[in-house]
């Protein structure tokens, strides 16, 4: 429950007994920050690809003008880890919404 509350607070939602308060500025700020981070990563990735180089060691990808290297084990681990993080976030968000819908 405390972890769910922490996540909701990050996106500007506070639950107190029979009330739900949504701080639209914090919610908007959270999603704007997330969008900015993703946009920066996408732009850097695009720039690197245009220059013919890419080095994402933690993902298992390396690209330069002469060759492409894919470490399948690292790539698989990255995808599994990322998928699990997204799944956990969505489960926690779903649980928080469920608690709002069915207060005790």
PDB file of N, CA and C in Angstrom:
ATOM      1  N   UNK A   1       0.823  -1.196   0.000  1.00  0.00           N
ATOM      2  CA  UNK A   1       0.000   0.000   0.000  1.00  0.00           C
ATOM      3  C   UNK A   1       0.866   1.258   0.000  1.00  0.00           C
ATOM      4  N   UNK A   2       1.943   1.261   0.805  1.00  0.00           N
ATOM      5  CA  UNK A   2       2.817   2.434   0.883  1.00  0.00           C
ATOM      6  C   UNK A   2       3.501   2.693  -0.454  1.00  0.00           C
ATOM      7  N   UNK A   3       3.891   1.621  -1.147  1.00  0.00           N
ATOM      8  CA  UNK A   3       4.541   1.768  -2.449  1.00  0.00           C
ATOM      9  C   UNK A   3       3.560   2.357  -3.460  1.00  0.00           C
ATOM     10  N   UNK A   4       2.304   1.914  -3.417  1.00  0.00           N
ATOM     11  CA  UNK A   4       1.287   2.459  -4.308  1.00  0.00           C
ATOM     12  C   UNK A   4       1.087   3.943  -4.049  1.00  0.00           C
ATOM     13  N   UNK A   5       1.060   4.319  -2.774  1.00  0.00           N
ATOM     14  CA  UNK A   5       0.890   5.718  -2.405  1.00  0.00           C
ATOM     15  C   UNK A   5       2.058   6.546  -2.917  1.00  0.00           C
ATOM     16  N   UNK A   6       3.253   6.022  -2.819  1.00  0.00           N
ATOM     17  CA  UNK A   6       4.441   6.726  -3.297  1.00  0.00           C
ATOM     18  C   UNK A   6       4.349   6.973  -4.800  1.00  0.00           C
ATOM     19  N   UNK A   7       3.932   5.984  -5.546  1.00  0.00           N
ATOM     20  CA  UNK A   7       3.795   6.130  -7.001  1.00  0.00           C
ATOM     21  C   UNK A   7       2.734   7.169  -7.327  1.00  0.00           C
ATOM     22  N   UNK A   8       1.612   7.088  -6.647  1.00  0.00           N
ATOM     23  CA  UNK A   8       0.542   8.052  -6.897  1.00  0.00           C
ATOM     24  C   UNK A   8       0.996   9.468  -6.556  1.00  0.00           C
ATOM     25  N   UNK A   9       1.732   9.617  -5.476  1.00  0.00           N
ATOM     26  CA  UNK A   9       2.227  10.945  -5.099  1.00  0.00           C
ATOM     27  C   UNK A   9       3.146  11.510  -6.168  1.00  0.00           C
ATOM     28  N   UNK A  10       3.946  10.655  -6.785  1.00  0.00           N
ATOM     29  CA  UNK A  10       4.846  11.117  -7.842  1.00  0.00           C
ATOM     30  C   UNK A  10       4.079  11.694  -9.020  1.00  0.00           C
ATOM     31  N   UNK A  11       2.912  11.146  -9.289  1.00  0.00           N
ATOM     32  CA  UNK A  11       2.129  11.655 -10.414  1.00  0.00           C
ATOM     33  C   UNK A  11       1.051  12.642  -9.975  1.00  0.00           C
ATOM     34  N   UNK A  12       1.090  13.041  -8.694  1.00  0.00           N
ATOM     35  CA  UNK A  12       0.204  14.101  -8.230  1.00  0.00           C
ATOM     36  C   UNK A  12      -1.148  13.647  -7.719  1.00  0.00           C
ATOM     37  N   UNK A  13      -1.275  12.406  -7.303  1.00  0.00           N
ATOM     38  CA  UNK A  13      -2.551  11.903  -6.788  1.00  0.00           C
ATOM     39  C   UNK A  13      -2.385  11.571  -5.310  1.00  0.00           C
ATOM     40  N   UNK A  14      -3.262  12.136  -4.494  1.00  0.00           N
ATOM     41  CA  UNK A  14      -3.229  11.861  -3.066  1.00  0.00           C
ATOM     42  C   UNK A  14      -4.585  11.315  -2.634  1.00  0.00           C
ATOM     43  N   UNK A  15      -4.543  10.239  -1.849  1.00  0.00           N
ATOM     44  CA  UNK A  15      -5.762   9.602  -1.365  1.00  0.00           C
ATOM     45  C   UNK A  15      -5.775   9.728   0.149  1.00  0.00           C
ATOM     46  N   UNK A  16      -6.859  10.267   0.683  1.00  0.00           N
ATOM     47  CA  UNK A  16      -6.988  10.441   2.117  1.00  0.00           C
ATOM     48  C   UNK A  16      -8.411  10.079   2.518  1.00  0.00           C
ATOM     49  N   UNK A  17      -8.547   8.931   3.155  1.00  0.00           N
ATOM     50  CA  UNK A  17      -9.860   8.445   3.593  1.00  0.00           C
ATOM     51  C   UNK A  17     -10.835   8.398   2.419  1.00  0.00           C
ATOM     52  N   UNK A  18     -11.812   9.305   2.410  1.00  0.00           N
ATOM     53  CA  UNK A  18     -12.847   9.288   1.372  1.00  0.00           C
ATOM     54  C   UNK A  18     -12.618  10.320   0.277  1.00  0.00           C
ATOM     55  N   UNK A  19     -11.411  10.895   0.226  1.00  0.00           N
ATOM     56  CA  UNK A  19     -11.131  11.933  -0.761  1.00  0.00           C
ATOM     57  C   UNK A  19      -9.955  11.543  -1.644  1.00  0.00           C
ATOM     58  N   UNK A  20     -10.061  11.947  -2.899  1.00  0.00           N
ATOM     59  CA  UNK A  20      -8.963  11.796  -3.839  1.00  0.00           C
ATOM     60  C   UNK A  20      -8.663  13.194  -4.371  1.00  0.00           C
ATOM     61  N   UNK A  21      -7.410  13.612  -4.226  1.00  0.00           N
ATOM     62  CA  UNK A  21      -6.990  14.918  -4.739  1.00  0.00           C
ATOM     63  C   UNK A  21      -5.964  14.698  -5.841  1.00  0.00           C
ATOM     64  N   UNK A  22      -6.173  15.385  -6.935  1.00  0.00           N
ATOM     65  CA  UNK A  22      -5.245  15.285  -8.060  1.00  0.00           C
ATOM     66  C   UNK A  22      -4.639  16.663  -8.286  1.00  0.00           C
ATOM     67  N   UNK A  23      -3.339  16.735  -8.092  1.00  0.00           N
ATOM     68  CA  UNK A  23      -2.599  17.974  -8.327  1.00  0.00           C
ATOM     69  C   UNK A  23      -2.224  17.985  -9.806  1.00  0.00           C
ATOM     70  N   UNK A  24      -3.004  18.715 -10.580  1.00  0.00           N
ATOM     71  CA  UNK A  24      -2.824  18.704 -12.028  1.00  0.00           C
ATOM     72  C   UNK A  24      -1.457  19.233 -12.450  1.00  0.00           C
ATOM     73  N   UNK A  25      -0.904  20.178 -11.694  1.00  0.00           N
ATOM     74  CA  UNK A  25       0.423  20.690 -12.027  1.00  0.00           C
ATOM     75  C   UNK A  25       1.472  19.596 -11.876  1.00  0.00           C
ATOM     76  N   UNK A  26       1.395  18.820 -10.771  1.00  0.00           N
ATOM     77  CA  UNK A  26       2.361  17.737 -10.571  1.00  0.00           C
ATOM     78  C   UNK A  26       2.158  16.626 -11.589  1.00  0.00           C
ATOM     79  N   UNK A  27       0.912  16.312 -11.890  1.00  0.00           N
ATOM     80  CA  UNK A  27       0.634  15.272 -12.883  1.00  0.00           C
ATOM     81  C   UNK A  27       1.174  15.691 -14.239  1.00  0.00           C
ATOM     82  N   UNK A  28       0.885  16.922 -14.621  1.00  0.00           N
ATOM     83  CA  UNK A  28       1.367  17.437 -15.899  1.00  0.00           C
ATOM     84  C   UNK A  28       2.892  17.485 -15.907  1.00  0.00           C
ATOM     85  N   UNK A  29       3.483  17.919 -14.802  1.00  0.00           N
ATOM     86  CA  UNK A  29       4.934  18.006 -14.689  1.00  0.00           C
ATOM     87  C   UNK A  29       5.578  16.629 -14.800  1.00  0.00           C
ATOM     88  N   UNK A  30       4.981  15.629 -14.137  1.00  0.00           N
ATOM     89  CA  UNK A  30       5.511  14.267 -14.196  1.00  0.00           C
ATOM     90  C   UNK A  30       5.540  13.761 -15.625  1.00  0.00           C
ATOM     91  N   UNK A  31       4.425  13.892 -16.322  1.00  0.00           N
ATOM     92  CA  UNK A  31       4.361  13.386 -17.687  1.00  0.00           C
ATOM     93  C   UNK A  31       5.208  14.234 -18.648  1.00  0.00           C
ATOM     94  N   UNK A  32       5.324  15.532 -18.382  1.00  0.00           N
ATOM     95  CA  UNK A  32       6.190  16.380 -19.210  1.00  0.00           C
ATOM     96  C   UNK A  32       7.649  15.966 -19.032  1.00  0.00           C
ATOM     97  N   UNK A  33       8.056  15.675 -17.801  1.00  0.00           N
ATOM     98  CA  UNK A  33       9.427  15.226 -17.535  1.00  0.00           C
ATOM     99  C   UNK A  33       9.700  13.896 -18.215  1.00  0.00           C
ATOM    100  N   UNK A  34       8.748  12.984 -18.100  1.00  0.00           N
ATOM    101  CA  UNK A  34       8.885  11.679 -18.746  1.00  0.00           C
ATOM    102  C   UNK A  34       8.996  11.840 -20.256  1.00  0.00           C
ATOM    103  N   UNK A  35       8.157  12.693 -20.823  1.00  0.00           N
ATOM    104  CA  UNK A  35       8.191  12.943 -22.259  1.00  0.00           C
ATOM    105  C   UNK A  35       9.534  13.540 -22.671  1.00  0.00           C
ATOM    106  N   UNK A  36      10.042  14.480 -21.879  1.00  0.00           N
ATOM    107  CA  UNK A  36      11.315  15.123 -22.196  1.00  0.00           C
ATOM    108  C   UNK A  36      12.468  14.119 -22.180  1.00  0.00           C
ATOM    109  N   UNK A  37      12.486  13.264 -21.184  1.00  0.00           N
ATOM    110  CA  UNK A  37      13.537  12.248 -21.090  1.00  0.00           C
ATOM    111  C   UNK A  37      13.490  11.319 -22.297  1.00  0.00           C
ATOM    112  N   UNK A  38      12.296  10.837 -22.627  1.00  0.00           N
ATOM    113  CA  UNK A  38      12.154   9.940 -23.773  1.00  0.00           C
ATOM    114  C   UNK A  38      12.518  10.644 -25.073  1.00  0.00           C
ATOM    115  N   UNK A  39      12.142  11.915 -25.203  1.00  0.00           N
ATOM    116  CA  UNK A  39      12.462  12.681 -26.407  1.00  0.00           C
ATOM    117  C   UNK A  39      13.968  12.840 -26.563  1.00  0.00           C
ATOM    118  N   UNK A  40      14.656  13.153 -25.463  1.00  0.00           N
ATOM    119  CA  UNK A  40      16.115  13.312 -25.509  1.00  0.00           C
ATOM    120  C   UNK A  40      16.793  12.006 -25.916  1.00  0.00           C
ATOM    121  N   UNK A  41      16.336  10.904 -25.326  1.00  0.00           N
ATOM    122  CA  UNK A  41      16.920   9.601 -25.670  1.00  0.00           C
ATOM    123  C   UNK A  41      16.691   9.280 -27.145  1.00  0.00           C
ATOM    124  N   UNK A  42      15.486   9.550 -27.630  1.00  0.00           N
ATOM    125  CA  UNK A  42      15.161   9.267 -29.027  1.00  0.00           C
ATOM    126  C   UNK A  42      15.998  10.129 -29.966  1.00  0.00           C
ATOM    127  N   UNK A  43      16.181  11.409 -29.618  1.00  0.00           N
ATOM    128  CA  UNK A  43      16.987  12.300 -30.456  1.00  0.00           C
ATOM    129  C   UNK A  43      18.447  11.858 -30.486  1.00  0.00           C
ATOM    130  N   UNK A  44      18.977  11.459 -29.333  1.00  0.00           N
ATOM    131  CA  UNK A  44      20.368  11.001 -29.285  1.00  0.00           C
ATOM    132  C   UNK A  44      20.542   9.714 -30.088  1.00  0.00           C
ATOM    133  N   UNK A  45      19.579   8.821 -29.964  1.00  0.00           N
ATOM    134  CA  UNK A  45      19.624   7.576 -30.724  1.00  0.00           C
ATOM    135  C   UNK A  45      19.574   7.866 -32.223  1.00  0.00           C
ATOM    136  N   UNK A  46      18.674   8.773 -32.622  1.00  0.00           N
ATOM    137  CA  UNK A  46      18.559   9.144 -34.042  1.00  0.00           C
ATOM    138  C   UNK A  46      19.859   9.750 -34.550  1.00  0.00           C
ATOM    139  N   UNK A  47      20.456  10.642 -33.770  1.00  0.00           N
ATOM    140  CA  UNK A  47      21.719  11.281 -34.161  1.00  0.00           C
ATOM    141  C   UNK A  47      22.811  10.238 -34.338  1.00  0.00           C
ATOM    142  N   UNK A  48      22.922   9.338 -33.375  1.00  0.00           N
ATOM    143  CA  UNK A  48      23.944   8.291 -33.464  1.00  0.00           C
ATOM    144  C   UNK A  48      23.739   7.401 -34.682  1.00  0.00           C
ATOM    145  N   UNK A  49      22.489   7.049 -34.951  1.00  0.00           N
ATOM    146  CA  UNK A  49      22.208   6.207 -36.115  1.00  0.00           C
ATOM    147  C   UNK A  49      22.554   6.933 -37.416  1.00  0.00           C
ATOM    148  N   UNK A  50      22.250   8.230 -37.480  1.00  0.00           N
ATOM    149  CA  UNK A  50      22.573   9.004 -38.677  1.00  0.00           C
ATOM    150  C   UNK A  50      24.081   9.098 -38.885  1.00  0.00           C
ATOM    151  N   UNK A  51      24.831   9.141 -37.781  1.00  0.00           N
ATOM    152  CA  UNK A  51      26.288   9.210 -37.864  1.00  0.00           C
ATOM    153  C   UNK A  51      26.910   7.831 -38.079  1.00  0.00           C
ATOM    154  N   UNK A  52      26.080   6.817 -38.055  1.00  0.00           N
ATOM    155  CA  UNK A  52      26.573   5.465 -38.284  1.00  0.00           C
ATOM    156  C   UNK A  52      27.263   4.856 -37.084  1.00  0.00           C
ATOM    157  N   UNK A  53      26.897   5.319 -35.904  1.00  0.00           N
ATOM    158  CA  UNK A  53      27.499   4.729 -34.706  1.00  0.00           C
ATOM    159  C   UNK A  53      26.446   4.589 -33.610  1.00  0.00           C
ATOM    160  N   UNK A  54      26.599   3.562 -32.867  1.00  0.00           N
ATOM    161  CA  UNK A  54      25.694   3.310 -31.758  1.00  0.00           C
ATOM    162  C   UNK A  54      26.402   2.372 -30.794  1.00  0.00           C
ATOM    163  N   UNK A  55      26.434   2.751 -29.547  1.00  0.00           N
ATOM    164  CA  UNK A  55      27.059   1.899 -28.541  1.00  0.00           C
ATOM    165  C   UNK A  55      26.167   1.894 -27.310  1.00  0.00           C
ATOM    166  N   UNK A  56      25.412   0.854 -27.177  1.00  0.00           N
ATOM    167  CA  UNK A  56      24.525   0.687 -26.027  1.00  0.00           C
ATOM    168  C   UNK A  56      24.944  -0.603 -25.328  1.00  0.00           C
ATOM    169  N   UNK A  57      26.039  -0.500 -24.588  1.00  0.00           N
ATOM    170  CA  UNK A  57      26.655  -1.667 -23.953  1.00  0.00           C
ATOM    171  C   UNK A  57      25.676  -2.423 -23.071  1.00  0.00           C
ATOM    172  N   UNK A  58      24.889  -1.686 -22.272  1.00  0.00           N
ATOM    173  CA  UNK A  58      23.959  -2.360 -21.362  1.00  0.00           C
ATOM    174  C   UNK A  58      22.832  -3.077 -22.100  1.00  0.00           C
ATOM    175  N   UNK A  59      22.572  -2.664 -23.329  1.00  0.00           N
ATOM    176  CA  UNK A  59      21.528  -3.296 -24.141  1.00  0.00           C
ATOM    177  C   UNK A  59      22.103  -4.393 -25.018  1.00  0.00           C
ATOM    178  N   UNK A  60      23.414  -4.352 -25.220  1.00  0.00           N
ATOM    179  CA  UNK A  60      24.058  -5.371 -26.034  1.00  0.00           C
ATOM    180  C   UNK A  60      24.137  -5.027 -27.501  1.00  0.00           C
ATOM    181  N   UNK A  61      24.084  -3.735 -27.835  1.00  0.00           N
ATOM    182  CA  UNK A  61      24.149  -3.308 -29.233  1.00  0.00           C
ATOM    183  C   UNK A  61      25.341  -2.394 -29.452  1.00  0.00           C
ATOM    184  N   UNK A  62      26.035  -2.633 -30.544  1.00  0.00           N
ATOM    185  CA  UNK A  62      27.140  -1.767 -30.925  1.00  0.00           C
ATOM    186  C   UNK A  62      27.150  -1.689 -32.444  1.00  0.00           C
ATOM    187  N   UNK A  63      27.191  -0.457 -32.949  1.00  0.00           N
ATOM    188  CA  UNK A  63      27.130  -0.230 -34.386  1.00  0.00           C
ATOM    189  C   UNK A  63      28.161   0.823 -34.743  1.00  0.00           C
ATOM    190  N   UNK A  64      28.952   0.564 -35.752  1.00  0.00           N
ATOM    191  CA  UNK A  64      29.833   1.589 -36.294  1.00  0.00           C
ATOM    192  C   UNK A  64      29.785   1.470 -37.817  1.00  0.00           C
ATOM    193  N   UNK A  65      30.637   2.183 -38.488  1.00  0.00           N
ATOM    194  CA  UNK A  65      30.597   2.207 -39.955  1.00  0.00           C
ATOM    195  C   UNK A  65      30.881   0.855 -40.590  1.00  0.00           C
ATOM    196  N   UNK A  66      31.625   0.004 -39.881  1.00  0.00           N
ATOM    197  CA  UNK A  66      32.063  -1.249 -40.474  1.00  0.00           C
ATOM    198  C   UNK A  66      31.296  -2.482 -40.034  1.00  0.00           C
ATOM    199  N   UNK A  67      30.726  -2.436 -38.845  1.00  0.00           N
ATOM    200  CA  UNK A  67      30.079  -3.655 -38.357  1.00  0.00           C
ATOM    201  C   UNK A  67      28.986  -3.370 -37.338  1.00  0.00           C
ATOM    202  N   UNK A  68      28.139  -4.371 -37.181  1.00  0.00           N
ATOM    203  CA  UNK A  68      27.066  -4.347 -36.194  1.00  0.00           C
ATOM    204  C   UNK A  68      27.292  -5.532 -35.266  1.00  0.00           C
ATOM    205  N   UNK A  69      27.290  -5.268 -33.979  1.00  0.00           N
ATOM    206  CA  UNK A  69      27.434  -6.341 -33.000  1.00  0.00           C
ATOM    207  C   UNK A  69      26.188  -6.364 -32.114  1.00  0.00           C
ATOM    208  N   UNK A  70      25.640  -7.556 -31.952  1.00  0.00           N
ATOM    209  CA  UNK A  70      24.489  -7.738 -31.080  1.00  0.00           C
ATOM    210  C   UNK A  70      24.820  -8.857 -30.110  1.00  0.00           C
ATOM    211  N   UNK A  71      24.847  -8.511 -28.838  1.00  0.00           N
ATOM    212  CA  UNK A  71      25.048  -9.507 -27.787  1.00  0.00           C
ATOM    213  C   UNK A  71      23.653  -9.971 -27.380  1.00  0.00           C
ATOM    214  N   UNK A  72      23.239 -11.100 -27.913  1.00  0.00           N
ATOM    215  CA  UNK A  72      21.875 -11.582 -27.724  1.00  0.00           C
ATOM    216  C   UNK A  72      21.517 -11.790 -26.252  1.00  0.00           C
ATOM    217  N   UNK A  73      22.482 -12.221 -25.463  1.00  0.00           N
ATOM    218  CA  UNK A  73      22.212 -12.441 -24.044  1.00  0.00           C
ATOM    219  C   UNK A  73      21.903 -11.114 -23.344  1.00  0.00           C
ATOM    220  N   UNK A  74      22.717 -10.096 -23.610  1.00  0.00           N
ATOM    221  CA  UNK A  74      22.479  -8.785 -22.997  1.00  0.00           C
ATOM    222  C   UNK A  74      21.183  -8.163 -23.502  1.00  0.00           C
ATOM    223  N   UNK A  75      20.927  -8.309 -24.800  1.00  0.00           N
ATOM    224  CA  UNK A  75      19.706  -7.748 -25.374  1.00  0.00           C
ATOM    225  C   UNK A  75      18.479  -8.418 -24.760  1.00  0.00           C
ATOM    226  N   UNK A  76      18.520  -9.739 -24.647  1.00  0.00           N
ATOM    227  CA  UNK A  76      17.401 -10.474 -24.052  1.00  0.00           C
ATOM    228  C   UNK A  76      17.196 -10.048 -22.609  1.00  0.00           C
ATOM    229  N   UNK A  77      18.267  -9.931 -21.848  1.00  0.00           N
ATOM    230  CA  UNK A  77      18.178  -9.522 -20.448  1.00  0.00           C
ATOM    231  C   UNK A  77      17.600  -8.116 -20.336  1.00  0.00           C
ATOM    232  N   UNK A  78      18.054  -7.200 -21.183  1.00  0.00           N
ATOM    233  CA  UNK A  78      17.547  -5.834 -21.159  1.00  0.00           C
ATOM    234  C   UNK A  78      16.047  -5.810 -21.445  1.00  0.00           C
ATOM    235  N   UNK A  79      15.626  -6.522 -22.483  1.00  0.00           N
ATOM    236  CA  UNK A  79      14.210  -6.527 -22.854  1.00  0.00           C
ATOM    237  C   UNK A  79      13.363  -7.142 -21.739  1.00  0.00           C
ATOM    238  N   UNK A  80      13.835  -8.224 -21.151  1.00  0.00           N
ATOM    239  CA  UNK A  80      13.096  -8.850 -20.053  1.00  0.00           C
ATOM    240  C   UNK A  80      12.996  -7.914 -18.847  1.00  0.00           C
ATOM    241  N   UNK A  81      14.105  -7.273 -18.510  1.00  0.00           N
ATOM    242  CA  UNK A  81      14.123  -6.355 -17.364  1.00  0.00           C
ATOM    243  C   UNK A  81      13.215  -5.163 -17.610  1.00  0.00           C
ATOM    244  N   UNK A  82      13.311  -4.573 -18.792  1.00  0.00           N
ATOM    245  CA  UNK A  82      12.482  -3.427 -19.134  1.00  0.00           C
ATOM    246  C   UNK A  82      11.005  -3.818 -19.132  1.00  0.00           C
ATOM    247  N   UNK A  83      10.692  -4.952 -19.717  1.00  0.00           N
ATOM    248  CA  UNK A  83       9.306  -5.433 -19.732  1.00  0.00           C
ATOM    249  C   UNK A  83       8.770  -5.652 -18.330  1.00  0.00           C
ATOM    250  N   UNK A  84       9.594  -6.198 -17.447  1.00  0.00           N
ATOM    251  CA  UNK A  84       9.179  -6.431 -16.068  1.00  0.00           C
ATOM    252  C   UNK A  84       8.930  -5.109 -15.343  1.00  0.00           C
ATOM    253  N   UNK A  85       9.773  -4.124 -15.580  1.00  0.00           N
ATOM    254  CA  UNK A  85       9.585  -2.814 -14.946  1.00  0.00           C
ATOM    255  C   UNK A  85       8.284  -2.172 -15.401  1.00  0.00           C
ATOM    256  N   UNK A  86       8.013  -2.233 -16.686  1.00  0.00           N
ATOM    257  CA  UNK A  86       6.766  -1.669 -17.213  1.00  0.00           C
ATOM    258  C   UNK A  86       5.573  -2.425 -16.630  1.00  0.00           C
ATOM    259  N   UNK A  87       5.667  -3.743 -16.606  1.00  0.00           N
ATOM    260  CA  UNK A  87       4.589  -4.566 -16.059  1.00  0.00           C
ATOM    261  C   UNK A  87       4.342  -4.244 -14.582  1.00  0.00           C
ATOM    262  N   UNK A  88       5.399  -4.114 -13.797  1.00  0.00           N
ATOM    263  CA  UNK A  88       5.255  -3.786 -12.375  1.00  0.00           C
ATOM    264  C   UNK A  88       4.625  -2.415 -12.179  1.00  0.00           C
ATOM    265  N   UNK A  89       5.057  -1.439 -12.973  1.00  0.00           N
ATOM    266  CA  UNK A  89       4.484  -0.103 -12.875  1.00  0.00           C
ATOM    267  C   UNK A  89       2.994  -0.134 -13.180  1.00  0.00           C
ATOM    268  N   UNK A  90       2.615  -0.842 -14.232  1.00  0.00           N
ATOM    269  CA  UNK A  90       1.206  -0.912 -14.604  1.00  0.00           C
ATOM    270  C   UNK A  90       0.379  -1.652 -13.552  1.00  0.00           C
ATOM    271  N   UNK A  91       0.947  -2.715 -12.959  1.00  0.00           N
ATOM    272  CA  UNK A  91       0.245  -3.436 -11.900  1.00  0.00           C
ATOM    273  C   UNK A  91       0.016  -2.536 -10.691  1.00  0.00           C
ATOM    274  N   UNK A  92       1.049  -1.772 -10.311  1.00  0.00           N
ATOM    275  CA  UNK A  92       0.925  -0.883  -9.165  1.00  0.00           C
ATOM    276  C   UNK A  92      -0.088   0.221  -9.440  1.00  0.00           C
ATOM    277  N   UNK A  93      -0.074   0.750 -10.653  1.00  0.00           N
ATOM    278  CA  UNK A  93      -1.039   1.769 -11.031  1.00  0.00           C
ATOM    279  C   UNK A  93      -2.455   1.196 -11.025  1.00  0.00           C
ATOM    280  N   UNK A  94      -2.608  -0.014 -11.556  1.00  0.00           N
ATOM    281  CA  UNK A  94      -3.911  -0.670 -11.574  1.00  0.00           C
ATOM    282  C   UNK A  94      -4.412  -0.919 -10.151  1.00  0.00           C
ATOM    283  N   UNK A  95      -3.531  -1.368  -9.268  1.00  0.00           N
ATOM    284  CA  UNK A  95      -3.902  -1.609  -7.877  1.00  0.00           C
ATOM    285  C   UNK A  95      -4.318  -0.314  -7.196  1.00  0.00           C
ATOM    286  N   UNK A  96      -3.620   0.749  -7.470  1.00  0.00           N
ATOM    287  CA  UNK A  96      -3.962   2.048  -6.886  1.00  0.00           C
ATOM    288  C   UNK A  96      -5.333   2.505  -7.353  1.00  0.00           C
ATOM    289  N   UNK A  97      -5.602   2.333  -8.637  1.00  0.00           N
ATOM    290  CA  UNK A  97      -6.915   2.701  -9.175  1.00  0.00           C
ATOM    291  C   UNK A  97      -7.993   1.820  -8.568  1.00  0.00           C
ATOM    292  N   UNK A  98      -7.710   0.540  -8.415  1.00  0.00           N
ATOM    293  CA  UNK A  98      -8.664  -0.387  -7.809  1.00  0.00           C
ATOM    294  C   UNK A  98      -8.991   0.049  -6.378  1.00  0.00           C
ATOM    295  N   UNK A  99      -7.975   0.505  -5.637  1.00  0.00           N
ATOM    296  CA  UNK A  99      -8.198   0.950  -4.265  1.00  0.00           C
ATOM    297  C   UNK A  99      -9.026   2.216  -4.227  1.00  0.00           C
ATOM    298  N   UNK A 100      -8.869   3.067  -5.231  1.00  0.00           N
ATOM    299  CA  UNK A 100      -9.694   4.270  -5.313  1.00  0.00           C
ATOM    300  C   UNK A 100     -11.137   3.874  -5.578  1.00  0.00           C
ATOM    301  N   UNK A 101     -11.333   2.919  -6.479  1.00  0.00           N
ATOM    302  CA  UNK A 101     -12.676   2.469  -6.828  1.00  0.00           C
ATOM    303  C   UNK A 101     -13.377   1.732  -5.690  1.00  0.00           C
ATOM    304  N   UNK A 102     -12.599   1.009  -4.889  1.00  0.00           N
ATOM    305  CA  UNK A 102     -13.176   0.194  -3.813  1.00  0.00           C
ATOM    306  C   UNK A 102     -12.528   0.545  -2.468  1.00  0.00           C
ATOM    307  N   UNK A 103     -12.790   1.730  -1.935  1.00  0.00           N
ATOM    308  CA  UNK A 103     -12.174   2.088  -0.655  1.00  0.00           C
ATOM    309  C   UNK A 103     -12.721   1.203   0.473  1.00  0.00           C
ATOM    310  N   UNK A 104     -11.877   0.960   1.457  1.00  0.00           N
ATOM    311  CA  UNK A 104     -12.285   0.103   2.563  1.00  0.00           C
ATOM    312  C   UNK A 104     -12.865   0.915   3.690  1.00  0.00           C
TER     313      UNK A 104
END
